[in-house]
Amino acid sequence: MSADALSLTHFDAQGQAHMVDVGAKPATRRVAVATGRIRMQPATLQLIASGSAKKGDVLGVARIAGIMASKKTSELIPLCHPLALTRVALDWQLLHELPGVACTVTAETTGPTGVEMEALTAVQVALLTVYDMCKAVDRAMVITGVQLLEKHGGKSGSFVREADE
C-alpha cells in the first residue's frame, strides 16, 4: 500500500484538521450498511418482544431515533459533510440466544461523499435508545459489535466486510 493511500484525508499538509473538499467530486449513488447489537437479560428481551415495556414500543421508538440521528450526523461528527439522504432503513432482529437485539441500518444518498458515518450513527443512537427505554429494568445491557458491513459508490469503490472480520 502506498504512503498516499495511508494518509488521513481530514488533515492538510501542515497537519491541521480540515473538512475535505468534495466540490469537484461527481455525484454518485452511495450506500452504506452498518450493524450493532445490544446484549441484555432474557427478561428484558421478553419485555421488548411482547411490547409490554413501560415506555411503549421500544423498537419502534428506537427506529425513529436512529433515522433522526442519521440526518443529524454532520452536527455530531465535526468534519462530516451534511448530506441529502435519499433513504435510511433500520431493521431489528431479536437474538434469543444472545439474548439481545441486533440493529442493521442501510443509508443511501446520491452525492459526492459516502454515507458510512450516517449508517454508523443511526445504529449507535438506535441502540442507545433501546438502552434508555429499558434501563429501568436492566442497567447491565452492553452495546457491542458496531461496525460497517458494506459500502458502495465513489472513487474508492465497494467494501464488503468478510464474515470473519
N, C-alpha and C. Protein backbone atom coordinates (compact mmCIF):
# COMPACT_ATOMS: atom_id res chain seq x y z
N MET A 1 0.85 -1.17 0.00
CA MET A 1 0.00 0.00 0.00
C MET A 1 0.90 1.23 0.00
N SER A 2 0.59 2.21 -0.83
CA SER A 2 1.41 3.40 -0.93
C SER A 2 1.20 4.30 0.28
N ALA A 3 2.19 5.18 0.52
CA ALA A 3 2.08 6.14 1.63
C ALA A 3 0.90 7.06 1.41
N ASP A 4 0.60 7.37 0.16
CA ASP A 4 -0.54 8.24 -0.15
C ASP A 4 -1.86 7.57 0.25
N ALA A 5 -1.92 6.25 0.06
CA ALA A 5 -3.13 5.52 0.42
C ALA A 5 -3.33 5.48 1.93
N LEU A 6 -2.24 5.68 2.68
CA LEU A 6 -2.32 5.64 4.13
C LEU A 6 -2.56 7.01 4.75
N SER A 7 -2.56 8.07 3.95
CA SER A 7 -2.72 9.41 4.51
C SER A 7 -4.17 9.64 4.93
N LEU A 8 -4.32 10.42 5.99
CA LEU A 8 -5.64 10.75 6.50
C LEU A 8 -6.16 11.99 5.78
N THR A 9 -7.35 11.90 5.22
CA THR A 9 -7.87 12.99 4.39
C THR A 9 -8.35 14.20 5.19
N HIS A 10 -8.57 14.05 6.48
CA HIS A 10 -9.08 15.17 7.28
C HIS A 10 -7.98 16.05 7.86
N PHE A 11 -6.74 15.87 7.37
CA PHE A 11 -5.62 16.71 7.80
C PHE A 11 -4.94 17.28 6.56
N ASP A 12 -4.60 18.59 6.62
CA ASP A 12 -3.91 19.20 5.49
C ASP A 12 -2.41 18.94 5.59
N ALA A 13 -1.63 19.51 4.66
CA ALA A 13 -0.20 19.27 4.61
C ALA A 13 0.52 19.72 5.87
N GLN A 14 -0.05 20.67 6.59
CA GLN A 14 0.55 21.15 7.84
C GLN A 14 0.06 20.39 9.07
N GLY A 15 -0.79 19.38 8.87
CA GLY A 15 -1.30 18.59 9.97
C GLY A 15 -2.51 19.18 10.66
N GLN A 16 -3.10 20.20 10.07
CA GLN A 16 -4.27 20.85 10.64
C GLN A 16 -5.54 20.12 10.19
N ALA A 17 -6.48 19.93 11.11
CA ALA A 17 -7.76 19.31 10.75
C ALA A 17 -8.53 20.24 9.82
N HIS A 18 -9.16 19.67 8.83
CA HIS A 18 -9.99 20.45 7.91
C HIS A 18 -11.07 19.57 7.30
N MET A 19 -12.09 20.22 6.78
CA MET A 19 -13.16 19.49 6.09
C MET A 19 -12.68 19.22 4.67
N VAL A 20 -12.79 17.98 4.24
CA VAL A 20 -12.34 17.58 2.91
C VAL A 20 -13.19 18.29 1.85
N ASP A 21 -12.52 18.81 0.82
CA ASP A 21 -13.22 19.47 -0.28
C ASP A 21 -13.74 18.40 -1.24
N VAL A 22 -15.07 18.25 -1.30
CA VAL A 22 -15.67 17.26 -2.19
C VAL A 22 -16.37 17.94 -3.37
N GLY A 23 -16.15 19.24 -3.52
CA GLY A 23 -16.84 20.02 -4.55
C GLY A 23 -16.62 19.54 -5.97
N ALA A 24 -15.45 19.03 -6.28
CA ALA A 24 -15.15 18.59 -7.64
C ALA A 24 -15.49 17.12 -7.88
N LYS A 25 -15.88 16.43 -6.83
CA LYS A 25 -16.20 15.00 -6.98
C LYS A 25 -17.57 14.83 -7.61
N PRO A 26 -17.72 13.86 -8.50
CA PRO A 26 -19.03 13.64 -9.13
C PRO A 26 -20.04 13.06 -8.14
N ALA A 27 -21.28 13.42 -8.34
CA ALA A 27 -22.36 12.84 -7.53
C ALA A 27 -22.62 11.43 -8.04
N THR A 28 -22.49 10.46 -7.15
CA THR A 28 -22.79 9.08 -7.48
C THR A 28 -23.68 8.50 -6.39
N ARG A 29 -24.32 7.39 -6.71
CA ARG A 29 -25.16 6.73 -5.71
C ARG A 29 -24.25 6.11 -4.66
N ARG A 30 -24.53 6.39 -3.39
CA ARG A 30 -23.74 5.88 -2.28
C ARG A 30 -24.64 5.10 -1.34
N VAL A 31 -24.17 3.94 -0.91
CA VAL A 31 -24.92 3.09 0.00
C VAL A 31 -23.97 2.59 1.08
N ALA A 32 -24.42 2.59 2.32
CA ALA A 32 -23.64 2.01 3.41
C ALA A 32 -24.57 1.20 4.30
N VAL A 33 -24.06 0.08 4.80
CA VAL A 33 -24.80 -0.77 5.72
C VAL A 33 -23.95 -0.97 6.96
N ALA A 34 -24.54 -0.69 8.12
CA ALA A 34 -23.84 -0.85 9.40
C ALA A 34 -24.71 -1.68 10.34
N THR A 35 -24.08 -2.27 11.34
CA THR A 35 -24.81 -3.10 12.29
C THR A 35 -24.23 -2.96 13.69
N GLY A 36 -24.98 -3.42 14.65
CA GLY A 36 -24.54 -3.47 16.03
C GLY A 36 -25.55 -4.27 16.84
N ARG A 37 -25.17 -4.59 18.07
CA ARG A 37 -26.05 -5.39 18.93
C ARG A 37 -26.09 -4.79 20.32
N ILE A 38 -27.15 -5.12 21.04
CA ILE A 38 -27.22 -4.80 22.46
C ILE A 38 -27.58 -6.08 23.19
N ARG A 39 -26.70 -6.47 24.13
CA ARG A 39 -26.95 -7.66 24.96
C ARG A 39 -27.75 -7.23 26.17
N MET A 40 -28.62 -8.13 26.63
CA MET A 40 -29.49 -7.82 27.77
C MET A 40 -29.91 -9.09 28.46
N GLN A 41 -30.58 -8.94 29.59
CA GLN A 41 -31.14 -10.07 30.32
C GLN A 41 -32.30 -10.66 29.50
N PRO A 42 -32.52 -11.97 29.60
CA PRO A 42 -33.64 -12.58 28.87
C PRO A 42 -34.98 -11.91 29.18
N ALA A 43 -35.20 -11.51 30.42
CA ALA A 43 -36.46 -10.86 30.78
C ALA A 43 -36.64 -9.52 30.07
N THR A 44 -35.53 -8.81 29.85
CA THR A 44 -35.60 -7.53 29.14
C THR A 44 -35.97 -7.76 27.69
N LEU A 45 -35.37 -8.76 27.07
CA LEU A 45 -35.71 -9.10 25.68
C LEU A 45 -37.18 -9.48 25.59
N GLN A 46 -37.68 -10.21 26.58
CA GLN A 46 -39.09 -10.61 26.57
C GLN A 46 -40.00 -9.37 26.65
N LEU A 47 -39.64 -8.39 27.46
CA LEU A 47 -40.41 -7.14 27.53
C LEU A 47 -40.47 -6.46 26.18
N ILE A 48 -39.32 -6.40 25.50
CA ILE A 48 -39.25 -5.77 24.18
C ILE A 48 -40.09 -6.55 23.18
N ALA A 49 -39.91 -7.86 23.16
CA ALA A 49 -40.62 -8.71 22.19
C ALA A 49 -42.12 -8.67 22.38
N SER A 50 -42.56 -8.59 23.63
CA SER A 50 -44.01 -8.61 23.90
C SER A 50 -44.64 -7.23 23.77
N GLY A 51 -43.80 -6.19 23.69
CA GLY A 51 -44.34 -4.83 23.60
C GLY A 51 -44.87 -4.31 24.92
N SER A 52 -44.45 -4.95 26.03
CA SER A 52 -45.00 -4.57 27.33
C SER A 52 -44.07 -3.70 28.17
N ALA A 53 -43.04 -3.12 27.55
CA ALA A 53 -42.17 -2.20 28.29
C ALA A 53 -42.97 -0.98 28.69
N LYS A 54 -42.69 -0.44 29.87
CA LYS A 54 -43.46 0.68 30.40
C LYS A 54 -43.44 1.90 29.48
N LYS A 55 -42.34 2.10 28.77
CA LYS A 55 -42.22 3.27 27.90
C LYS A 55 -42.83 3.04 26.52
N GLY A 56 -43.36 1.85 26.25
CA GLY A 56 -44.04 1.61 24.98
C GLY A 56 -43.23 0.76 24.01
N ASP A 57 -43.45 1.00 22.73
CA ASP A 57 -42.85 0.24 21.64
C ASP A 57 -41.36 0.60 21.53
N VAL A 58 -40.52 -0.16 22.22
CA VAL A 58 -39.10 0.15 22.30
C VAL A 58 -38.47 0.20 20.91
N LEU A 59 -38.67 -0.83 20.11
CA LEU A 59 -38.00 -0.89 18.81
C LEU A 59 -38.57 0.13 17.83
N GLY A 60 -39.84 0.45 17.93
CA GLY A 60 -40.43 1.47 17.07
C GLY A 60 -39.85 2.85 17.36
N VAL A 61 -39.76 3.18 18.65
CA VAL A 61 -39.18 4.46 19.05
C VAL A 61 -37.70 4.51 18.67
N ALA A 62 -36.98 3.42 18.91
CA ALA A 62 -35.55 3.38 18.59
C ALA A 62 -35.32 3.47 17.08
N ARG A 63 -36.22 2.92 16.28
CA ARG A 63 -36.10 3.03 14.82
C ARG A 63 -36.16 4.50 14.41
N ILE A 64 -37.14 5.23 14.93
CA ILE A 64 -37.28 6.65 14.59
C ILE A 64 -36.05 7.43 15.09
N ALA A 65 -35.56 7.11 16.29
CA ALA A 65 -34.37 7.78 16.82
C ALA A 65 -33.17 7.57 15.91
N GLY A 66 -32.98 6.35 15.42
CA GLY A 66 -31.87 6.07 14.53
C GLY A 66 -31.96 6.83 13.23
N ILE A 67 -33.15 6.86 12.65
CA ILE A 67 -33.35 7.60 11.40
C ILE A 67 -33.09 9.08 11.62
N MET A 68 -33.63 9.63 12.71
CA MET A 68 -33.41 11.04 13.01
C MET A 68 -31.92 11.33 13.21
N ALA A 69 -31.22 10.44 13.90
CA ALA A 69 -29.79 10.63 14.15
C ALA A 69 -28.99 10.63 12.85
N SER A 70 -29.36 9.78 11.91
CA SER A 70 -28.63 9.74 10.63
C SER A 70 -28.68 11.09 9.95
N LYS A 71 -29.80 11.79 10.09
CA LYS A 71 -29.97 13.10 9.47
C LYS A 71 -29.20 14.20 10.21
N LYS A 72 -28.75 13.92 11.42
CA LYS A 72 -28.03 14.90 12.24
C LYS A 72 -26.53 14.59 12.32
N THR A 73 -26.05 13.62 11.57
CA THR A 73 -24.66 13.18 11.69
C THR A 73 -23.67 14.32 11.54
N SER A 74 -23.87 15.20 10.57
CA SER A 74 -22.91 16.28 10.35
C SER A 74 -22.89 17.27 11.51
N GLU A 75 -23.92 17.28 12.34
CA GLU A 75 -23.94 18.14 13.53
C GLU A 75 -23.21 17.49 14.70
N LEU A 76 -23.05 16.17 14.65
CA LEU A 76 -22.43 15.42 15.74
C LEU A 76 -20.96 15.12 15.48
N ILE A 77 -20.60 14.83 14.26
CA ILE A 77 -19.23 14.47 13.88
C ILE A 77 -18.63 15.69 13.19
N PRO A 78 -17.63 16.32 13.79
CA PRO A 78 -17.18 17.65 13.38
C PRO A 78 -16.87 17.83 11.89
N LEU A 79 -16.24 16.89 11.23
CA LEU A 79 -15.81 17.13 9.85
C LEU A 79 -16.66 16.42 8.80
N CYS A 80 -17.83 15.90 9.20
CA CYS A 80 -18.74 15.27 8.24
C CYS A 80 -19.48 16.34 7.44
N HIS A 81 -19.69 16.04 6.18
CA HIS A 81 -20.49 16.92 5.34
C HIS A 81 -21.98 16.66 5.58
N PRO A 82 -22.80 17.69 5.55
CA PRO A 82 -24.25 17.45 5.60
C PRO A 82 -24.68 16.79 4.29
N LEU A 83 -25.49 15.76 4.39
CA LEU A 83 -25.91 15.01 3.21
C LEU A 83 -27.42 15.05 3.04
N ALA A 84 -27.83 15.01 1.80
CA ALA A 84 -29.25 14.84 1.49
C ALA A 84 -29.49 13.34 1.36
N LEU A 85 -29.91 12.74 2.46
CA LEU A 85 -30.15 11.29 2.45
C LEU A 85 -31.38 10.99 1.62
N THR A 86 -31.29 9.95 0.80
CA THR A 86 -32.43 9.54 -0.02
C THR A 86 -33.17 8.37 0.60
N ARG A 87 -32.50 7.65 1.52
CA ARG A 87 -33.14 6.51 2.18
C ARG A 87 -32.35 6.15 3.43
N VAL A 88 -33.07 5.87 4.50
CA VAL A 88 -32.48 5.28 5.70
C VAL A 88 -33.46 4.22 6.16
N ALA A 89 -33.02 2.98 6.18
CA ALA A 89 -33.86 1.86 6.62
C ALA A 89 -33.19 1.20 7.81
N LEU A 90 -33.96 0.95 8.85
CA LEU A 90 -33.44 0.37 10.08
C LEU A 90 -34.23 -0.90 10.38
N ASP A 91 -33.50 -2.01 10.50
CA ASP A 91 -34.13 -3.30 10.76
C ASP A 91 -33.64 -3.88 12.07
N TRP A 92 -34.53 -4.60 12.75
CA TRP A 92 -34.23 -5.23 14.03
C TRP A 92 -34.30 -6.74 13.90
N GLN A 93 -33.47 -7.42 14.67
CA GLN A 93 -33.54 -8.87 14.79
C GLN A 93 -33.44 -9.22 16.26
N LEU A 94 -34.43 -9.95 16.76
CA LEU A 94 -34.37 -10.41 18.15
C LEU A 94 -33.42 -11.60 18.21
N LEU A 95 -32.48 -11.53 19.13
CA LEU A 95 -31.46 -12.57 19.27
C LEU A 95 -31.69 -13.30 20.59
N HIS A 96 -32.51 -14.32 20.56
CA HIS A 96 -32.88 -15.04 21.78
C HIS A 96 -31.69 -15.78 22.39
N GLU A 97 -30.76 -16.25 21.56
CA GLU A 97 -29.62 -16.99 22.08
C GLU A 97 -28.58 -16.07 22.73
N LEU A 98 -28.57 -14.77 22.40
CA LEU A 98 -27.55 -13.87 22.95
C LEU A 98 -27.77 -13.61 24.44
N PRO A 99 -28.83 -13.27 25.01
CA PRO A 99 -30.01 -12.63 24.42
C PRO A 99 -29.75 -11.15 24.15
N GLY A 100 -30.49 -10.62 23.19
CA GLY A 100 -30.35 -9.22 22.83
C GLY A 100 -31.05 -8.90 21.54
N VAL A 101 -30.67 -7.77 20.98
CA VAL A 101 -31.28 -7.28 19.76
C VAL A 101 -30.17 -6.81 18.83
N ALA A 102 -30.29 -7.12 17.54
CA ALA A 102 -29.36 -6.62 16.53
C ALA A 102 -30.06 -5.55 15.72
N CYS A 103 -29.31 -4.52 15.38
CA CYS A 103 -29.81 -3.40 14.58
C CYS A 103 -28.96 -3.32 13.32
N THR A 104 -29.61 -3.24 12.17
CA THR A 104 -28.91 -3.06 10.90
C THR A 104 -29.51 -1.86 10.19
N VAL A 105 -28.64 -0.95 9.76
CA VAL A 105 -29.08 0.27 9.09
C VAL A 105 -28.49 0.33 7.69
N THR A 106 -29.34 0.67 6.72
CA THR A 106 -28.89 0.96 5.36
C THR A 106 -29.18 2.42 5.10
N ALA A 107 -28.14 3.16 4.74
CA ALA A 107 -28.27 4.58 4.43
C ALA A 107 -27.87 4.80 2.97
N GLU A 108 -28.60 5.67 2.28
CA GLU A 108 -28.32 5.92 0.87
C GLU A 108 -28.40 7.41 0.56
N THR A 109 -27.62 7.81 -0.42
CA THR A 109 -27.67 9.17 -0.95
C THR A 109 -27.13 9.15 -2.37
N THR A 110 -27.35 10.22 -3.09
CA THR A 110 -26.65 10.46 -4.34
C THR A 110 -25.89 11.76 -4.13
N GLY A 111 -24.56 11.66 -4.14
CA GLY A 111 -23.77 12.84 -3.85
C GLY A 111 -22.29 12.57 -4.00
N PRO A 112 -21.46 13.55 -3.58
CA PRO A 112 -20.01 13.45 -3.77
C PRO A 112 -19.26 12.77 -2.62
N THR A 113 -19.97 12.32 -1.58
CA THR A 113 -19.30 11.68 -0.45
C THR A 113 -20.19 10.60 0.13
N GLY A 114 -19.57 9.67 0.85
CA GLY A 114 -20.26 8.48 1.31
C GLY A 114 -21.15 8.67 2.52
N VAL A 115 -21.88 7.61 2.86
CA VAL A 115 -22.86 7.64 3.95
C VAL A 115 -22.53 6.67 5.08
N GLU A 116 -21.24 6.29 5.19
CA GLU A 116 -20.86 5.36 6.24
C GLU A 116 -21.14 5.93 7.64
N MET A 117 -20.79 7.19 7.84
CA MET A 117 -20.96 7.79 9.16
C MET A 117 -22.44 7.90 9.52
N GLU A 118 -23.29 8.15 8.55
CA GLU A 118 -24.73 8.23 8.81
C GLU A 118 -25.28 6.89 9.23
N ALA A 119 -24.84 5.81 8.57
CA ALA A 119 -25.31 4.47 8.95
C ALA A 119 -24.80 4.09 10.34
N LEU A 120 -23.53 4.37 10.62
CA LEU A 120 -22.97 4.04 11.93
C LEU A 120 -23.60 4.87 13.05
N THR A 121 -23.87 6.13 12.79
CA THR A 121 -24.51 6.99 13.79
C THR A 121 -25.92 6.50 14.08
N ALA A 122 -26.64 6.12 13.04
CA ALA A 122 -28.01 5.62 13.23
C ALA A 122 -28.01 4.36 14.10
N VAL A 123 -27.08 3.44 13.86
CA VAL A 123 -27.01 2.22 14.66
C VAL A 123 -26.76 2.57 16.12
N GLN A 124 -25.77 3.42 16.36
CA GLN A 124 -25.41 3.76 17.75
C GLN A 124 -26.57 4.41 18.48
N VAL A 125 -27.23 5.38 17.86
CA VAL A 125 -28.32 6.09 18.54
C VAL A 125 -29.52 5.18 18.72
N ALA A 126 -29.81 4.34 17.75
CA ALA A 126 -30.93 3.40 17.91
C ALA A 126 -30.67 2.46 19.10
N LEU A 127 -29.46 1.95 19.21
CA LEU A 127 -29.14 1.06 20.32
C LEU A 127 -29.12 1.80 21.66
N LEU A 128 -28.63 3.04 21.66
CA LEU A 128 -28.69 3.85 22.88
C LEU A 128 -30.13 4.12 23.31
N THR A 129 -31.01 4.25 22.34
CA THR A 129 -32.42 4.46 22.66
C THR A 129 -33.03 3.22 23.29
N VAL A 130 -32.66 2.04 22.79
CA VAL A 130 -33.10 0.80 23.43
C VAL A 130 -32.61 0.79 24.88
N TYR A 131 -31.35 1.14 25.07
CA TYR A 131 -30.81 1.17 26.43
C TYR A 131 -31.61 2.14 27.30
N ASP A 132 -31.83 3.33 26.80
CA ASP A 132 -32.56 4.34 27.57
C ASP A 132 -33.96 3.87 27.95
N MET A 133 -34.64 3.25 27.03
CA MET A 133 -36.01 2.83 27.28
C MET A 133 -36.11 1.62 28.21
N CYS A 134 -35.01 0.86 28.33
CA CYS A 134 -35.04 -0.36 29.14
C CYS A 134 -34.16 -0.31 30.38
N LYS A 135 -33.47 0.79 30.60
CA LYS A 135 -32.50 0.85 31.71
C LYS A 135 -33.16 0.71 33.08
N ALA A 136 -34.42 1.02 33.20
CA ALA A 136 -35.09 0.88 34.50
C ALA A 136 -35.15 -0.58 34.95
N VAL A 137 -35.12 -1.51 34.00
CA VAL A 137 -35.19 -2.93 34.36
C VAL A 137 -33.87 -3.67 34.13
N ASP A 138 -32.91 -3.04 33.40
CA ASP A 138 -31.67 -3.75 33.08
C ASP A 138 -30.55 -2.75 32.78
N ARG A 139 -29.84 -2.35 33.82
CA ARG A 139 -28.72 -1.41 33.64
C ARG A 139 -27.45 -2.10 33.16
N ALA A 140 -27.44 -3.41 33.07
CA ALA A 140 -26.25 -4.16 32.67
C ALA A 140 -26.19 -4.40 31.16
N MET A 141 -27.10 -3.82 30.39
CA MET A 141 -27.06 -4.01 28.93
C MET A 141 -25.73 -3.51 28.38
N VAL A 142 -25.28 -4.15 27.29
CA VAL A 142 -24.00 -3.81 26.68
C VAL A 142 -24.20 -3.66 25.17
N ILE A 143 -23.81 -2.50 24.65
CA ILE A 143 -23.81 -2.27 23.21
C ILE A 143 -22.48 -2.78 22.67
N THR A 144 -22.53 -3.57 21.62
CA THR A 144 -21.32 -4.21 21.12
C THR A 144 -21.40 -4.42 19.60
N GLY A 145 -20.24 -4.66 19.02
CA GLY A 145 -20.17 -5.08 17.62
C GLY A 145 -20.62 -4.05 16.60
N VAL A 146 -20.55 -2.77 16.92
CA VAL A 146 -20.95 -1.75 15.94
C VAL A 146 -19.87 -1.68 14.87
N GLN A 147 -20.29 -1.86 13.62
CA GLN A 147 -19.33 -1.92 12.52
C GLN A 147 -19.98 -1.67 11.18
N LEU A 148 -19.16 -1.22 10.25
CA LEU A 148 -19.58 -1.07 8.87
C LEU A 148 -19.55 -2.45 8.22
N LEU A 149 -20.66 -2.85 7.62
CA LEU A 149 -20.71 -4.14 6.92
C LEU A 149 -20.33 -3.99 5.46
N GLU A 150 -20.82 -2.91 4.85
CA GLU A 150 -20.50 -2.68 3.43
C GLU A 150 -20.75 -1.24 3.07
N LYS A 151 -20.06 -0.82 2.00
CA LYS A 151 -20.30 0.48 1.41
C LYS A 151 -20.05 0.36 -0.08
N HIS A 152 -20.82 1.13 -0.83
CA HIS A 152 -20.73 1.09 -2.29
C HIS A 152 -20.82 2.51 -2.83
N GLY A 153 -20.11 2.75 -3.93
CA GLY A 153 -20.14 4.05 -4.59
C GLY A 153 -18.89 4.84 -4.33
N GLY A 154 -18.64 5.79 -5.22
CA GLY A 154 -17.49 6.67 -5.06
C GLY A 154 -16.22 6.11 -5.64
N LYS A 155 -15.17 6.93 -5.56
CA LYS A 155 -13.87 6.61 -6.15
C LYS A 155 -13.25 5.36 -5.54
N SER A 156 -13.44 5.17 -4.24
CA SER A 156 -12.80 4.02 -3.59
C SER A 156 -13.55 2.71 -3.82
N GLY A 157 -14.69 2.78 -4.49
CA GLY A 157 -15.41 1.55 -4.84
C GLY A 157 -16.14 0.93 -3.68
N SER A 158 -16.23 -0.39 -3.72
CA SER A 158 -17.01 -1.11 -2.72
C SER A 158 -16.13 -1.71 -1.63
N PHE A 159 -16.72 -1.82 -0.45
CA PHE A 159 -16.13 -2.52 0.67
C PHE A 159 -17.21 -3.45 1.19
N VAL A 160 -16.87 -4.72 1.37
CA VAL A 160 -17.77 -5.68 1.99
C VAL A 160 -16.96 -6.43 3.03
N ARG A 161 -17.41 -6.32 4.29
CA ARG A 161 -16.69 -6.97 5.38
C ARG A 161 -16.76 -8.49 5.22
N GLU A 162 -15.63 -9.12 5.41
CA GLU A 162 -15.57 -10.58 5.38
C GLU A 162 -16.25 -11.11 6.63
N ALA A 163 -16.83 -12.28 6.56
CA ALA A 163 -17.59 -12.86 7.67
C ALA A 163 -16.75 -13.01 8.93
N ASP A 164 -15.45 -13.23 8.81
CA ASP A 164 -14.62 -13.46 10.00
C ASP A 164 -13.97 -12.20 10.54
N GLU A 165 -14.26 -11.03 9.98
CA GLU A 165 -13.65 -9.78 10.45
C GLU A 165 -14.32 -9.30 11.72
